[in-house]
Amino acid sequence: MSNSVIVISDPQFTSEVIDASQPVLVYFWASWCGPCRLMSPAIEAVATQYNDRLKVVKMEVDPNPEAVAQCQVEGVPALRLFQQGKVIDATEGAMNQQKLESFLSPHL
C-alpha cells in the first residue's frame, strides 16, 4: 500500500476515523483472506483518485477487535464509510474498482 492508504489500529480509530473532518473509508482485511488481496489494488486506486475528498484507512481485523466490534464487521473484506463520526454506508465482500467507485460516488 502506498502513502494514500493509512494503516491504523484500534488506538488510532477515534482520531483517524470518528474525529475526521472529511469522509473516511475504512477497509477491514485479513492476511489470510484471498479476496482481500484481490481488493487491495482497487482500494489503493480509489485512495489515490479521491485523496482530495476521502481519507482511506486500512485495518487488519485480527489485531483490532474493538473497531471490528464497533463497526459490526462479520466478514472480510469489509468496507465502512464514515462521515462526521457515523457509518453512512457499509458493505462486505470483494468488489472490483468499478463497483467500489459506484459504492463511493453517491457520498462524495
PDB file of N, CA and C in Angstrom:
ATOM      1  N   MET A   1       0.843  -1.181   0.000  1.00  0.00           N
ATOM      2  CA  MET A   1       0.000   0.000   0.000  1.00  0.00           C
ATOM      3  C   MET A   1       0.888   1.244   0.000  1.00  0.00           C
ATOM      4  N   SER A   2       0.450   2.229  -0.703  1.00  0.00           N
ATOM      5  CA  SER A   2       1.225   3.459  -0.793  1.00  0.00           C
ATOM      6  C   SER A   2       0.861   4.391   0.358  1.00  0.00           C
ATOM      7  N   ASN A   3       1.353   5.598   0.271  1.00  0.00           N
ATOM      8  CA  ASN A   3       1.068   6.594   1.299  1.00  0.00           C
ATOM      9  C   ASN A   3      -0.384   7.050   1.293  1.00  0.00           C
ATOM     10  N   SER A   4      -1.132   6.723   0.235  1.00  0.00           N
ATOM     11  CA  SER A   4      -2.528   7.147   0.148  1.00  0.00           C
ATOM     12  C   SER A   4      -3.401   6.429   1.162  1.00  0.00           C
ATOM     13  N   VAL A   5      -3.071   5.172   1.453  1.00  0.00           N
ATOM     14  CA  VAL A   5      -3.850   4.378   2.400  1.00  0.00           C
ATOM     15  C   VAL A   5      -3.121   4.399   3.739  1.00  0.00           C
ATOM     16  N   ILE A   6      -3.838   4.782   4.781  1.00  0.00           N
ATOM     17  CA  ILE A   6      -3.257   4.889   6.114  1.00  0.00           C
ATOM     18  C   ILE A   6      -3.573   3.615   6.885  1.00  0.00           C
ATOM     19  N   VAL A   7      -2.548   2.930   7.359  1.00  0.00           N
ATOM     20  CA  VAL A   7      -2.750   1.721   8.161  1.00  0.00           C
ATOM     21  C   VAL A   7      -2.896   2.148   9.612  1.00  0.00           C
ATOM     22  N   ILE A   8      -4.013   1.774  10.225  1.00  0.00           N
ATOM     23  CA  ILE A   8      -4.256   2.146  11.622  1.00  0.00           C
ATOM     24  C   ILE A   8      -4.616   0.917  12.446  1.00  0.00           C
ATOM     25  N   SER A   9      -4.642   1.113  13.763  1.00  0.00           N
ATOM     26  CA  SER A   9      -5.067   0.055  14.678  1.00  0.00           C
ATOM     27  C   SER A   9      -6.061   0.657  15.674  1.00  0.00           C
ATOM     28  N   ASP A  10      -6.586  -0.176  16.549  1.00  0.00           N
ATOM     29  CA  ASP A  10      -7.630   0.274  17.482  1.00  0.00           C
ATOM     30  C   ASP A  10      -7.332   1.613  18.175  1.00  0.00           C
ATOM     31  N   PRO A  11      -6.103   1.826  18.701  1.00  0.00           N
ATOM     32  CA  PRO A  11      -5.868   3.095  19.416  1.00  0.00           C
ATOM     33  C   PRO A  11      -6.037   4.349  18.551  1.00  0.00           C
ATOM     34  N   GLN A  12      -5.833   4.243  17.246  1.00  0.00           N
ATOM     35  CA  GLN A  12      -5.964   5.405  16.365  1.00  0.00           C
ATOM     36  C   GLN A  12      -7.363   5.552  15.774  1.00  0.00           C
ATOM     37  N   PHE A  13      -8.258   4.601  16.026  1.00  0.00           N
ATOM     38  CA  PHE A  13      -9.549   4.601  15.344  1.00  0.00           C
ATOM     39  C   PHE A  13     -10.343   5.887  15.581  1.00  0.00           C
ATOM     40  N   THR A  14     -10.425   6.331  16.805  1.00  0.00           N
ATOM     41  CA  THR A  14     -11.207   7.541  17.101  1.00  0.00           C
ATOM     42  C   THR A  14     -10.606   8.755  16.420  1.00  0.00           C
ATOM     43  N   SER A  15      -9.298   8.960  16.549  1.00  0.00           N
ATOM     44  CA  SER A  15      -8.689  10.166  15.977  1.00  0.00           C
ATOM     45  C   SER A  15      -8.678  10.145  14.454  1.00  0.00           C
ATOM     46  N   GLU A  16      -8.447   8.988  13.847  1.00  0.00           N
ATOM     47  CA  GLU A  16      -8.333   8.913  12.387  1.00  0.00           C
ATOM     48  C   GLU A  16      -9.680   8.769  11.673  1.00  0.00           C
ATOM     49  N   VAL A  17     -10.673   8.181  12.347  1.00  0.00           N
ATOM     50  CA  VAL A  17     -11.952   7.889  11.680  1.00  0.00           C
ATOM     51  C   VAL A  17     -13.091   8.718  12.272  1.00  0.00           C
ATOM     52  N   ILE A  18     -13.365   8.557  13.536  1.00  0.00           N
ATOM     53  CA  ILE A  18     -14.517   9.205  14.173  1.00  0.00           C
ATOM     54  C   ILE A  18     -14.371  10.728  14.166  1.00  0.00           C
ATOM     55  N   ASP A  19     -13.179  11.232  14.465  1.00  0.00           N
ATOM     56  CA  ASP A  19     -12.958  12.674  14.561  1.00  0.00           C
ATOM     57  C   ASP A  19     -12.534  13.318  13.243  1.00  0.00           C
ATOM     58  N   ALA A  20     -12.493  12.574  12.154  1.00  0.00           N
ATOM     59  CA  ALA A  20     -12.025  13.117  10.870  1.00  0.00           C
ATOM     60  C   ALA A  20     -13.000  14.164  10.336  1.00  0.00           C
ATOM     61  N   SER A  21     -12.443  15.170   9.677  1.00  0.00           N
ATOM     62  CA  SER A  21     -13.272  16.247   9.125  1.00  0.00           C
ATOM     63  C   SER A  21     -13.829  15.899   7.744  1.00  0.00           C
ATOM     64  N   GLN A  22     -13.246  14.914   7.086  1.00  0.00           N
ATOM     65  CA  GLN A  22     -13.718  14.505   5.766  1.00  0.00           C
ATOM     66  C   GLN A  22     -14.250  13.071   5.834  1.00  0.00           C
ATOM     67  N   PRO A  23     -14.952  12.613   4.814  1.00  0.00           N
ATOM     68  CA  PRO A  23     -15.402  11.210   4.815  1.00  0.00           C
ATOM     69  C   PRO A  23     -14.208  10.250   4.915  1.00  0.00           C
ATOM     70  N   VAL A  24     -14.421   9.129   5.582  1.00  0.00           N
ATOM     71  CA  VAL A  24     -13.360   8.135   5.757  1.00  0.00           C
ATOM     72  C   VAL A  24     -13.882   6.768   5.331  1.00  0.00           C
ATOM     73  N   LEU A  25     -13.138   6.114   4.434  1.00  0.00           N
ATOM     74  CA  LEU A  25     -13.430   4.738   4.056  1.00  0.00           C
ATOM     75  C   LEU A  25     -12.521   3.844   4.873  1.00  0.00           C
ATOM     76  N   VAL A  26     -13.121   2.962   5.678  1.00  0.00           N
ATOM     77  CA  VAL A  26     -12.343   2.015   6.472  1.00  0.00           C
ATOM     78  C   VAL A  26     -12.406   0.658   5.780  1.00  0.00           C
ATOM     79  N   TYR A  27     -11.246   0.150   5.430  1.00  0.00           N
ATOM     80  CA  TYR A  27     -11.107  -1.134   4.739  1.00  0.00           C
ATOM     81  C   TYR A  27     -10.618  -2.163   5.756  1.00  0.00           C
ATOM     82  N   PHE A  28     -11.506  -3.089   6.114  1.00  0.00           N
ATOM     83  CA  PHE A  28     -11.149  -4.172   7.040  1.00  0.00           C
ATOM     84  C   PHE A  28     -10.684  -5.366   6.217  1.00  0.00           C
ATOM     85  N   TRP A  29      -9.551  -5.934   6.590  1.00  0.00           N
ATOM     86  CA  TRP A  29      -8.966  -7.031   5.825  1.00  0.00           C
ATOM     87  C   TRP A  29      -8.280  -8.015   6.775  1.00  0.00           C
ATOM     88  N   ALA A  30      -7.834  -9.130   6.210  1.00  0.00           N
ATOM     89  CA  ALA A  30      -7.072 -10.119   6.979  1.00  0.00           C
ATOM     90  C   ALA A  30      -5.994 -10.705   6.074  1.00  0.00           C
ATOM     91  N   SER A  31      -4.853 -11.018   6.655  1.00  0.00           N
ATOM     92  CA  SER A  31      -3.731 -11.547   5.875  1.00  0.00           C
ATOM     93  C   SER A  31      -4.069 -12.907   5.263  1.00  0.00           C
ATOM     94  N   TRP A  32      -4.961 -13.664   5.891  1.00  0.00           N
ATOM     95  CA  TRP A  32      -5.331 -14.997   5.401  1.00  0.00           C
ATOM     96  C   TRP A  32      -6.470 -14.955   4.381  1.00  0.00           C
ATOM     97  N   CYS A  33      -6.943 -13.756   4.035  1.00  0.00           N
ATOM     98  CA  CYS A  33      -8.120 -13.599   3.183  1.00  0.00           C
ATOM     99  C   CYS A  33      -7.715 -13.375   1.721  1.00  0.00           C
ATOM    100  N   GLY A  34      -7.980 -14.361   0.866  1.00  0.00           N
ATOM    101  CA  GLY A  34      -7.668 -14.248  -0.555  1.00  0.00           C
ATOM    102  C   GLY A  34      -8.385 -13.090  -1.241  1.00  0.00           C
ATOM    103  N   PRO A  35      -9.713 -12.954  -1.061  1.00  0.00           N
ATOM    104  CA  PRO A  35     -10.417 -11.828  -1.683  1.00  0.00           C
ATOM    105  C   PRO A  35      -9.883 -10.459  -1.239  1.00  0.00           C
ATOM    106  N   CYS A  36      -9.354 -10.378  -0.020  1.00  0.00           N
ATOM    107  CA  CYS A  36      -8.773  -9.113   0.445  1.00  0.00           C
ATOM    108  C   CYS A  36      -7.567  -8.735  -0.419  1.00  0.00           C
ATOM    109  N   ARG A  37      -6.744  -9.736  -0.748  1.00  0.00           N
ATOM    110  CA  ARG A  37      -5.580  -9.462  -1.600  1.00  0.00           C
ATOM    111  C   ARG A  37      -6.022  -8.987  -2.978  1.00  0.00           C
ATOM    112  N   LEU A  38      -7.126  -9.543  -3.475  1.00  0.00           N
ATOM    113  CA  LEU A  38      -7.633  -9.119  -4.778  1.00  0.00           C
ATOM    114  C   LEU A  38      -8.167  -7.689  -4.744  1.00  0.00           C
ATOM    115  N   MET A  39      -8.693  -7.272  -3.604  1.00  0.00           N
ATOM    116  CA  MET A  39      -9.277  -5.934  -3.492  1.00  0.00           C
ATOM    117  C   MET A  39      -8.261  -4.837  -3.234  1.00  0.00           C
ATOM    118  N   SER A  40      -7.104  -5.185  -2.727  1.00  0.00           N
ATOM    119  CA  SER A  40      -6.114  -4.166  -2.349  1.00  0.00           C
ATOM    120  C   SER A  40      -5.787  -3.177  -3.468  1.00  0.00           C
ATOM    121  N   PRO A  41      -5.592  -3.617  -4.724  1.00  0.00           N
ATOM    122  CA  PRO A  41      -5.314  -2.623  -5.778  1.00  0.00           C
ATOM    123  C   PRO A  41      -6.468  -1.641  -5.992  1.00  0.00           C
ATOM    124  N   ALA A  42      -7.706  -2.089  -5.863  1.00  0.00           N
ATOM    125  CA  ALA A  42      -8.860  -1.193  -6.029  1.00  0.00           C
ATOM    126  C   ALA A  42      -8.916  -0.180  -4.888  1.00  0.00           C
ATOM    127  N   ILE A  43      -8.624  -0.624  -3.674  1.00  0.00           N
ATOM    128  CA  ILE A  43      -8.590   0.278  -2.515  1.00  0.00           C
ATOM    129  C   ILE A  43      -7.515   1.338  -2.729  1.00  0.00           C
ATOM    130  N   GLU A  44      -6.359   0.888  -3.170  1.00  0.00           N
ATOM    131  CA  GLU A  44      -5.244   1.798  -3.446  1.00  0.00           C
ATOM    132  C   GLU A  44      -5.632   2.821  -4.519  1.00  0.00           C
ATOM    133  N   ALA A  45      -6.294   2.353  -5.565  1.00  0.00           N
ATOM    134  CA  ALA A  45      -6.675   3.235  -6.676  1.00  0.00           C
ATOM    135  C   ALA A  45      -7.658   4.316  -6.230  1.00  0.00           C
ATOM    136  N   VAL A  46      -8.671   3.946  -5.443  1.00  0.00           N
ATOM    137  CA  VAL A  46      -9.628   4.977  -5.006  1.00  0.00           C
ATOM    138  C   VAL A  46      -8.999   5.918  -3.984  1.00  0.00           C
ATOM    139  N   ALA A  47      -8.053   5.410  -3.187  1.00  0.00           N
ATOM    140  CA  ALA A  47      -7.358   6.281  -2.232  1.00  0.00           C
ATOM    141  C   ALA A  47      -6.594   7.369  -2.978  1.00  0.00           C
ATOM    142  N   THR A  48      -5.971   7.001  -4.087  1.00  0.00           N
ATOM    143  CA  THR A  48      -5.233   7.964  -4.896  1.00  0.00           C
ATOM    144  C   THR A  48      -6.189   8.877  -5.660  1.00  0.00           C
ATOM    145  N   GLN A  49      -7.202   8.296  -6.255  1.00  0.00           N
ATOM    146  CA  GLN A  49      -8.145   9.035  -7.101  1.00  0.00           C
ATOM    147  C   GLN A  49      -8.946  10.073  -6.311  1.00  0.00           C
ATOM    148  N   TYR A  50      -9.375   9.718  -5.100  1.00  0.00           N
ATOM    149  CA  TYR A  50     -10.238  10.597  -4.308  1.00  0.00           C
ATOM    150  C   TYR A  50      -9.513  11.248  -3.131  1.00  0.00           C
ATOM    151  N   ASN A  51      -8.185  11.304  -3.176  1.00  0.00           N
ATOM    152  CA  ASN A  51      -7.440  11.749  -1.992  1.00  0.00           C
ATOM    153  C   ASN A  51      -7.747  13.186  -1.582  1.00  0.00           C
ATOM    154  N   ASP A  52      -8.365  13.978  -2.465  1.00  0.00           N
ATOM    155  CA  ASP A  52      -8.714  15.344  -2.096  1.00  0.00           C
ATOM    156  C   ASP A  52     -10.019  15.421  -1.311  1.00  0.00           C
ATOM    157  N   ARG A  53     -10.818  14.346  -1.322  1.00  0.00           N
ATOM    158  CA  ARG A  53     -12.118  14.414  -0.634  1.00  0.00           C
ATOM    159  C   ARG A  53     -12.460  13.176   0.179  1.00  0.00           C
ATOM    160  N   LEU A  54     -11.506  12.231   0.284  1.00  0.00           N
ATOM    161  CA  LEU A  54     -11.761  10.995   1.026  1.00  0.00           C
ATOM    162  C   LEU A  54     -10.478  10.513   1.672  1.00  0.00           C
ATOM    163  N   LYS A  55     -10.571  10.164   2.943  1.00  0.00           N
ATOM    164  CA  LYS A  55      -9.453   9.520   3.625  1.00  0.00           C
ATOM    165  C   LYS A  55      -9.713   8.018   3.583  1.00  0.00           C
ATOM    166  N   VAL A  56      -8.693   7.242   3.267  1.00  0.00           N
ATOM    167  CA  VAL A  56      -8.829   5.786   3.228  1.00  0.00           C
ATOM    168  C   VAL A  56      -7.899   5.191   4.273  1.00  0.00           C
ATOM    169  N   VAL A  57      -8.488   4.409   5.188  1.00  0.00           N
ATOM    170  CA  VAL A  57      -7.688   3.729   6.205  1.00  0.00           C
ATOM    171  C   VAL A  57      -7.904   2.228   6.095  1.00  0.00           C
ATOM    172  N   LYS A  58      -6.886   1.501   6.497  1.00  0.00           N
ATOM    173  CA  LYS A  58      -6.883   0.042   6.389  1.00  0.00           C
ATOM    174  C   LYS A  58      -6.652  -0.532   7.777  1.00  0.00           C
ATOM    175  N   MET A  59      -7.498  -1.488   8.173  1.00  0.00           N
ATOM    176  CA  MET A  59      -7.357  -2.131   9.480  1.00  0.00           C
ATOM    177  C   MET A  59      -7.393  -3.637   9.326  1.00  0.00           C
ATOM    178  N   GLU A  60      -6.393  -4.302   9.887  1.00  0.00           N
ATOM    179  CA  GLU A  60      -6.400  -5.759   9.902  1.00  0.00           C
ATOM    180  C   GLU A  60      -7.335  -6.204  11.025  1.00  0.00           C
ATOM    181  N   VAL A  61      -8.240  -7.146  10.731  1.00  0.00           N
ATOM    182  CA  VAL A  61      -9.281  -7.485  11.699  1.00  0.00           C
ATOM    183  C   VAL A  61      -8.762  -8.199  12.946  1.00  0.00           C
ATOM    184  N   ASP A  62      -7.844  -9.148  12.791  1.00  0.00           N
ATOM    185  CA  ASP A  62      -7.443  -9.975  13.934  1.00  0.00           C
ATOM    186  C   ASP A  62      -6.824  -9.185  15.093  1.00  0.00           C
ATOM    187  N   PRO A  63      -5.904  -8.240  14.843  1.00  0.00           N
ATOM    188  CA  PRO A  63      -5.335  -7.500  15.973  1.00  0.00           C
ATOM    189  C   PRO A  63      -6.163  -6.291  16.429  1.00  0.00           C
ATOM    190  N   ASN A  64      -7.313  -6.055  15.827  1.00  0.00           N
ATOM    191  CA  ASN A  64      -8.102  -4.854  16.140  1.00  0.00           C
ATOM    192  C   ASN A  64      -9.559  -5.183  16.472  1.00  0.00           C
ATOM    193  N   PRO A  65      -9.795  -5.957  17.531  1.00  0.00           N
ATOM    194  CA  PRO A  65     -11.156  -6.403  17.837  1.00  0.00           C
ATOM    195  C   PRO A  65     -12.111  -5.278  18.226  1.00  0.00           C
ATOM    196  N   GLU A  66     -11.606  -4.174  18.776  1.00  0.00           N
ATOM    197  CA  GLU A  66     -12.503  -3.094  19.206  1.00  0.00           C
ATOM    198  C   GLU A  66     -13.190  -2.447  18.011  1.00  0.00           C
ATOM    199  N   ALA A  67     -12.426  -2.069  16.996  1.00  0.00           N
ATOM    200  CA  ALA A  67     -13.006  -1.440  15.803  1.00  0.00           C
ATOM    201  C   ALA A  67     -13.895  -2.426  15.044  1.00  0.00           C
ATOM    202  N   VAL A  68     -13.467  -3.681  14.996  1.00  0.00           N
ATOM    203  CA  VAL A  68     -14.262  -4.719  14.320  1.00  0.00           C
ATOM    204  C   VAL A  68     -15.636  -4.827  14.987  1.00  0.00           C
ATOM    205  N   ALA A  69     -15.659  -4.846  16.313  1.00  0.00           N
ATOM    206  CA  ALA A  69     -16.928  -4.938  17.038  1.00  0.00           C
ATOM    207  C   ALA A  69     -17.750  -3.663  16.870  1.00  0.00           C
ATOM    208  N   GLN A  70     -17.098  -2.513  16.977  1.00  0.00           N
ATOM    209  CA  GLN A  70     -17.799  -1.232  16.864  1.00  0.00           C
ATOM    210  C   GLN A  70     -18.454  -1.085  15.489  1.00  0.00           C
ATOM    211  N   CYS A  71     -17.785  -1.590  14.458  1.00  0.00           N
ATOM    212  CA  CYS A  71     -18.294  -1.461  13.086  1.00  0.00           C
ATOM    213  C   CYS A  71     -19.105  -2.679  12.648  1.00  0.00           C
ATOM    214  N   GLN A  72     -19.291  -3.623  13.555  1.00  0.00           N
ATOM    215  CA  GLN A  72     -20.090  -4.823  13.291  1.00  0.00           C
ATOM    216  C   GLN A  72     -19.619  -5.563  12.039  1.00  0.00           C
ATOM    217  N   VAL A  73     -18.307  -5.744  11.930  1.00  0.00           N
ATOM    218  CA  VAL A  73     -17.727  -6.475  10.804  1.00  0.00           C
ATOM    219  C   VAL A  73     -17.922  -7.963  11.037  1.00  0.00           C
ATOM    220  N   GLU A  74     -18.575  -8.621  10.096  1.00  0.00           N
ATOM    221  CA  GLU A  74     -18.833 -10.057  10.223  1.00  0.00           C
ATOM    222  C   GLU A  74     -18.021 -10.885   9.248  1.00  0.00           C
ATOM    223  N   GLY A  75     -17.495 -10.266   8.213  1.00  0.00           N
ATOM    224  CA  GLY A  75     -16.678 -10.969   7.238  1.00  0.00           C
ATOM    225  C   GLY A  75     -15.738  -9.993   6.563  1.00  0.00           C
ATOM    226  N   VAL A  76     -14.699 -10.519   5.948  1.00  0.00           N
ATOM    227  CA  VAL A  76     -13.738  -9.675   5.229  1.00  0.00           C
ATOM    228  C   VAL A  76     -13.642 -10.136   3.787  1.00  0.00           C
ATOM    229  N   PRO A  77     -13.324  -9.227   2.879  1.00  0.00           N
ATOM    230  CA  PRO A  77     -13.108  -7.802   3.100  1.00  0.00           C
ATOM    231  C   PRO A  77     -14.408  -7.081   3.439  1.00  0.00           C
ATOM    232  N   ALA A  78     -14.276  -6.037   4.244  1.00  0.00           N
ATOM    233  CA  ALA A  78     -15.434  -5.231   4.634  1.00  0.00           C
ATOM    234  C   ALA A  78     -15.085  -3.756   4.501  1.00  0.00           C
ATOM    235  N   LEU A  79     -16.062  -2.973   4.109  1.00  0.00           N
ATOM    236  CA  LEU A  79     -15.890  -1.530   3.983  1.00  0.00           C
ATOM    237  C   LEU A  79     -16.928  -0.826   4.835  1.00  0.00           C
ATOM    238  N   ARG A  80     -16.484   0.209   5.544  1.00  0.00           N
ATOM    239  CA  ARG A  80     -17.388   1.076   6.279  1.00  0.00           C
ATOM    240  C   ARG A  80     -17.050   2.507   5.880  1.00  0.00           C
ATOM    241  N   LEU A  81     -18.046   3.231   5.430  1.00  0.00           N
ATOM    242  CA  LEU A  81     -17.843   4.623   5.038  1.00  0.00           C
ATOM    243  C   LEU A  81     -18.395   5.509   6.141  1.00  0.00           C
ATOM    244  N   PHE A  82     -17.515   6.313   6.726  1.00  0.00           N
ATOM    245  CA  PHE A  82     -17.874   7.203   7.826  1.00  0.00           C
ATOM    246  C   PHE A  82     -17.933   8.643   7.348  1.00  0.00           C
ATOM    247  N   GLN A  83     -18.886   9.376   7.903  1.00  0.00           N
ATOM    248  CA  GLN A  83     -18.931  10.821   7.714  1.00  0.00           C
ATOM    249  C   GLN A  83     -19.401  11.422   9.028  1.00  0.00           C
ATOM    250  N   GLN A  84     -18.657  12.394   9.514  1.00  0.00           N
ATOM    251  CA  GLN A  84     -18.954  13.055  10.792  1.00  0.00           C
ATOM    252  C   GLN A  84     -19.134  12.038  11.916  1.00  0.00           C
ATOM    253  N   GLY A  85     -18.269  11.022  11.929  1.00  0.00           N
ATOM    254  CA  GLY A  85     -18.233  10.056  13.017  1.00  0.00           C
ATOM    255  C   GLY A  85     -19.255   8.939  12.957  1.00  0.00           C
ATOM    256  N   LYS A  86     -20.072   8.902  11.904  1.00  0.00           N
ATOM    257  CA  LYS A  86     -21.116   7.878  11.802  1.00  0.00           C
ATOM    258  C   LYS A  86     -20.969   7.088  10.507  1.00  0.00           C
ATOM    259  N   VAL A  87     -21.350   5.799  10.559  1.00  0.00           N
ATOM    260  CA  VAL A  87     -21.337   4.969   9.359  1.00  0.00           C
ATOM    261  C   VAL A  87     -22.494   5.408   8.462  1.00  0.00           C
ATOM    262  N   ILE A  88     -22.162   5.817   7.237  1.00  0.00           N
ATOM    263  CA  ILE A  88     -23.218   6.223   6.300  1.00  0.00           C
ATOM    264  C   ILE A  88     -23.452   5.170   5.220  1.00  0.00           C
ATOM    265  N   ASP A  89     -22.529   4.231   5.082  1.00  0.00           N
ATOM    266  CA  ASP A  89     -22.726   3.114   4.152  1.00  0.00           C
ATOM    267  C   ASP A  89     -21.776   2.000   4.544  1.00  0.00           C
ATOM    268  N   ALA A  90     -22.138   0.775   4.203  1.00  0.00           N
ATOM    269  CA  ALA A  90     -21.335  -0.382   4.577  1.00  0.00           C
ATOM    270  C   ALA A  90     -21.547  -1.503   3.576  1.00  0.00           C
ATOM    271  N   THR A  91     -20.515  -2.301   3.383  1.00  0.00           N
ATOM    272  CA  THR A  91     -20.623  -3.474   2.526  1.00  0.00           C
ATOM    273  C   THR A  91     -19.569  -4.490   2.942  1.00  0.00           C
ATOM    274  N   GLU A  92     -19.837  -5.737   2.642  1.00  0.00           N
ATOM    275  CA  GLU A  92     -18.866  -6.800   2.880  1.00  0.00           C
ATOM    276  C   GLU A  92     -18.766  -7.642   1.631  1.00  0.00           C
ATOM    277  N   GLY A  93     -17.576  -8.174   1.391  1.00  0.00           N
ATOM    278  CA  GLY A  93     -17.328  -8.981   0.203  1.00  0.00           C
ATOM    279  C   GLY A  93     -16.467  -8.226  -0.791  1.00  0.00           C
ATOM    280  N   ALA A  94     -15.776  -8.979  -1.619  1.00  0.00           N
ATOM    281  CA  ALA A  94     -14.864  -8.385  -2.601  1.00  0.00           C
ATOM    282  C   ALA A  94     -15.647  -7.698  -3.711  1.00  0.00           C
ATOM    283  N   MET A  95     -15.040  -6.641  -4.256  1.00  0.00           N
ATOM    284  CA  MET A  95     -15.612  -5.952  -5.413  1.00  0.00           C
ATOM    285  C   MET A  95     -14.473  -5.380  -6.236  1.00  0.00           C
ATOM    286  N   ASN A  96     -14.738  -5.183  -7.518  1.00  0.00           N
ATOM    287  CA  ASN A  96     -13.711  -4.597  -8.367  1.00  0.00           C
ATOM    288  C   ASN A  96     -13.718  -3.072  -8.207  1.00  0.00           C
ATOM    289  N   GLN A  97     -12.783  -2.413  -8.876  1.00  0.00           N
ATOM    290  CA  GLN A  97     -12.651  -0.967  -8.712  1.00  0.00           C
ATOM    291  C   GLN A  97     -13.898  -0.225  -9.182  1.00  0.00           C
ATOM    292  N   GLN A  98     -14.500  -0.681 -10.258  1.00  0.00           N
ATOM    293  CA  GLN A  98     -15.706  -0.024 -10.779  1.00  0.00           C
ATOM    294  C   GLN A  98     -16.846  -0.078  -9.754  1.00  0.00           C
ATOM    295  N   LYS A  99     -17.054  -1.237  -9.136  1.00  0.00           N
ATOM    296  CA  LYS A  99     -18.112  -1.356  -8.110  1.00  0.00           C
ATOM    297  C   LYS A  99     -17.770  -0.532  -6.878  1.00  0.00           C
ATOM    298  N   LEU A 100     -16.492  -0.490  -6.539  1.00  0.00           N
ATOM    299  CA  LEU A 100     -16.056   0.303  -5.392  1.00  0.00           C
ATOM    300  C   LEU A 100     -16.336   1.793  -5.644  1.00  0.00           C
ATOM    301  N   GLU A 101     -16.052   2.257  -6.857  1.00  0.00           N
ATOM    302  CA  GLU A 101     -16.325   3.650  -7.184  1.00  0.00           C
ATOM    303  C   GLU A 101     -17.833   3.923  -7.156  1.00  0.00           C
ATOM    304  N   SER A 102     -18.624   2.972  -7.597  1.00  0.00           N
ATOM    305  CA  SER A 102     -20.091   3.127  -7.552  1.00  0.00           C
ATOM    306  C   SER A 102     -20.596   3.179  -6.109  1.00  0.00           C
ATOM    307  N   PHE A 103     -19.962   2.404  -5.229  1.00  0.00           N
ATOM    308  CA  PHE A 103     -20.295   2.417  -3.803  1.00  0.00           C
ATOM    309  C   PHE A 103     -20.006   3.791  -3.192  1.00  0.00           C
ATOM    310  N   LEU A 104     -18.889   4.390  -3.591  1.00  0.00           N
ATOM    311  CA  LEU A 104     -18.449   5.661  -3.003  1.00  0.00           C
ATOM    312  C   LEU A 104     -19.114   6.890  -3.605  1.00  0.00           C
ATOM    313  N   SER A 105     -19.364   6.870  -4.907  1.00  0.00           N
ATOM    314  CA  SER A 105     -19.739   8.097  -5.615  1.00  0.00           C
ATOM    315  C   SER A 105     -20.970   8.823  -5.065  1.00  0.00           C
ATOM    316  N   PRO A 106     -22.018   8.144  -4.576  1.00  0.00           N
ATOM    317  CA  PRO A 106     -23.161   8.911  -4.047  1.00  0.00           C
ATOM    318  C   PRO A 106     -22.816   9.758  -2.830  1.00  0.00           C
ATOM    319  N   HIS A 107     -21.700   9.448  -2.177  1.00  0.00           N
ATOM    320  CA  HIS A 107     -21.357  10.098  -0.919  1.00  0.00           C
ATOM    321  C   HIS A 107     -20.273  11.153  -1.050  1.00  0.00           C
ATOM    322  N   LEU A 108     -19.672  11.251  -2.237  1.00  0.00           N
ATOM    323  CA  LEU A 108     -18.522  12.169  -2.379  1.00  0.00           C
ATOM    324  C   LEU A 108     -18.863  13.384  -3.216  1.00  0.00           C
TER     325      LEU A 108
END
